[in-house]
Amino acid sequence: MKQHQGNEQEVKMKLSARNVLKGVIKAIEIGAVNVEVTVEIAPGLEMTSIITKRSRENLGLAVGKEAYVIVKASNVMIGTD
């Protein structure tokens, strides 16, 4: 991962999550409290996350900007029809 520039120092982030997917932000829908961010991680494959408005501002998220989708879950379910 790239280094993130903070106010006074650079921090190289390490994560315990194994599922880190790089993509491009395709849509940002701003609600009253939260923001829905959609990231295209492969052609035609999108993942969406709901975050706080403050998180969006702190991360500087914008449509067209590269971002990482990080999935950390104790359970992942599979279903069929």
C-alpha atoms as a PDB file:
ATOM      1  CA  MET A   1       0.000   0.000   0.000  1.00  0.00           C
ATOM      2  CA  LYS A   2       1.057   3.561  -0.531  1.00  0.00           C
ATOM      3  CA  GLN A   3       2.075   5.786   2.304  1.00  0.00           C
ATOM      4  CA  HIS A   4      -0.592   8.077   3.686  1.00  0.00           C
ATOM      5  CA  GLN A   5       0.416  11.648   4.389  1.00  0.00           C
ATOM      6  CA  GLY A   6      -0.909  12.871   7.722  1.00  0.00           C
ATOM      7  CA  ASN A   7      -0.704  16.400   9.027  1.00  0.00           C
ATOM      8  CA  GLU A   8       2.889  16.145  10.204  1.00  0.00           C
ATOM      9  CA  GLN A   9       4.210  12.713   9.316  1.00  0.00           C
ATOM     10  CA  GLU A  10       3.965   9.877   6.832  1.00  0.00           C
ATOM     11  CA  VAL A  11       2.571   6.553   8.003  1.00  0.00           C
ATOM     12  CA  LYS A  12       2.938   3.292   6.133  1.00  0.00           C
ATOM     13  CA  MET A  13      -0.220   1.369   6.913  1.00  0.00           C
ATOM     14  CA  LYS A  14      -0.243  -2.374   7.543  1.00  0.00           C
ATOM     15  CA  LEU A  15      -3.483  -4.290   7.894  1.00  0.00           C
ATOM     16  CA  SER A  16      -4.439  -7.657   9.314  1.00  0.00           C
ATOM     17  CA  ALA A  17      -7.149  -8.051   6.671  1.00  0.00           C
ATOM     18  CA  ARG A  18      -6.209 -10.370   3.821  1.00  0.00           C
ATOM     19  CA  ASN A  19      -8.791  -9.060   1.399  1.00  0.00           C
ATOM     20  CA  VAL A  20      -7.496  -5.704   0.173  1.00  0.00           C
ATOM     21  CA  LEU A  21      -8.870  -4.834  -3.272  1.00  0.00           C
ATOM     22  CA  LYS A  22      -7.672  -1.798  -5.204  1.00  0.00           C
ATOM     23  CA  GLY A  23     -10.142   0.025  -7.387  1.00  0.00           C
ATOM     24  CA  VAL A  24     -11.558   3.328  -8.596  1.00  0.00           C
ATOM     25  CA  ILE A  25     -14.394   5.212  -6.922  1.00  0.00           C
ATOM     26  CA  LYS A  26     -17.363   5.195  -9.310  1.00  0.00           C
ATOM     27  CA  ALA A  27     -20.067   6.835  -7.191  1.00  0.00           C
ATOM     28  CA  ILE A  28     -20.545   8.723  -3.942  1.00  0.00           C
ATOM     29  CA  GLU A  29     -24.066   9.179  -2.602  1.00  0.00           C
ATOM     30  CA  ILE A  30     -24.209  11.622   0.291  1.00  0.00           C
ATOM     31  CA  GLY A  31     -26.982  11.116   2.852  1.00  0.00           C
ATOM     32  CA  ALA A  32     -27.971  13.011   5.980  1.00  0.00           C
ATOM     33  CA  VAL A  33     -25.384  11.269   8.179  1.00  0.00           C
ATOM     34  CA  ASN A  34     -23.586   8.655   6.087  1.00  0.00           C
ATOM     35  CA  VAL A  35     -22.052   8.366   2.638  1.00  0.00           C
ATOM     36  CA  GLU A  36     -22.400   5.386   0.270  1.00  0.00           C
ATOM     37  CA  VAL A  37     -19.171   4.846  -1.670  1.00  0.00           C
ATOM     38  CA  THR A  38     -19.071   2.498  -4.682  1.00  0.00           C
ATOM     39  CA  VAL A  39     -15.682   1.255  -5.873  1.00  0.00           C
ATOM     40  CA  GLU A  40     -15.131  -0.639  -9.122  1.00  0.00           C
ATOM     41  CA  ILE A  41     -12.538  -3.317  -8.313  1.00  0.00           C
ATOM     42  CA  ALA A  42     -12.592  -4.958 -11.770  1.00  0.00           C
ATOM     43  CA  PRO A  43     -14.444  -4.184 -15.003  1.00  0.00           C
ATOM     44  CA  GLY A  44     -18.133  -4.509 -14.150  1.00  0.00           C
ATOM     45  CA  LEU A  45     -17.458  -5.608 -10.546  1.00  0.00           C
ATOM     46  CA  GLU A  46     -18.312  -3.093  -7.830  1.00  0.00           C
ATOM     47  CA  MET A  47     -18.316  -3.088  -4.048  1.00  0.00           C
ATOM     48  CA  THR A  48     -20.185  -0.561  -1.929  1.00  0.00           C
ATOM     49  CA  SER A  49     -19.499   0.625   1.604  1.00  0.00           C
ATOM     50  CA  ILE A  50     -21.362   2.984   3.894  1.00  0.00           C
ATOM     51  CA  ILE A  51     -19.098   5.293   5.897  1.00  0.00           C
ATOM     52  CA  THR A  52     -19.536   8.490   7.876  1.00  0.00           C
ATOM     53  CA  LYS A  53     -19.348  11.903   6.236  1.00  0.00           C
ATOM     54  CA  ARG A  54     -16.339  12.697   8.404  1.00  0.00           C
ATOM     55  CA  SER A  55     -14.510   9.586   7.150  1.00  0.00           C
ATOM     56  CA  ARG A  56     -15.160  10.621   3.545  1.00  0.00           C
ATOM     57  CA  GLU A  57     -13.739  14.066   4.256  1.00  0.00           C
ATOM     58  CA  ASN A  58     -10.713  12.700   6.154  1.00  0.00           C
ATOM     59  CA  LEU A  59      -9.910  10.256   3.344  1.00  0.00           C
ATOM     60  CA  GLY A  60     -10.443  12.856   0.625  1.00  0.00           C
ATOM     61  CA  LEU A  61     -12.647  10.488  -1.365  1.00  0.00           C
ATOM     62  CA  ALA A  62     -13.875  11.642  -4.780  1.00  0.00           C
ATOM     63  CA  VAL A  63     -15.259   9.981  -7.901  1.00  0.00           C
ATOM     64  CA  GLY A  64     -12.404   8.837 -10.153  1.00  0.00           C
ATOM     65  CA  LYS A  65      -9.888   8.572  -7.316  1.00  0.00           C
ATOM     66  CA  GLU A  66      -8.164   5.270  -6.547  1.00  0.00           C
ATOM     67  CA  ALA A  67      -9.154   3.635  -3.263  1.00  0.00           C
ATOM     68  CA  TYR A  68      -8.869   0.309  -1.473  1.00  0.00           C
ATOM     69  CA  VAL A  69     -11.786  -1.884  -0.432  1.00  0.00           C
ATOM     70  CA  ILE A  70     -10.757  -3.730   2.715  1.00  0.00           C
ATOM     71  CA  VAL A  71     -12.840  -6.710   3.804  1.00  0.00           C
ATOM     72  CA  LYS A  72     -12.339  -8.051   7.318  1.00  0.00           C
ATOM     73  CA  ALA A  73     -15.064 -10.440   8.357  1.00  0.00           C
ATOM     74  CA  SER A  74     -15.242 -13.458  10.622  1.00  0.00           C
ATOM     75  CA  ASN A  75     -17.964 -14.961   8.404  1.00  0.00           C
ATOM     76  CA  VAL A  76     -18.474 -14.890   4.656  1.00  0.00           C
ATOM     77  CA  MET A  77     -21.635 -16.609   3.472  1.00  0.00           C
ATOM     78  CA  ILE A  78     -22.429 -18.215   0.129  1.00  0.00           C
ATOM     79  CA  GLY A  79     -25.987 -18.660  -1.108  1.00  0.00           C
ATOM     80  CA  THR A  80     -27.775 -20.186  -4.074  1.00  0.00           C
ATOM     81  CA  ASP A  81     -31.298 -20.017  -5.530  1.00  0.00           C
END
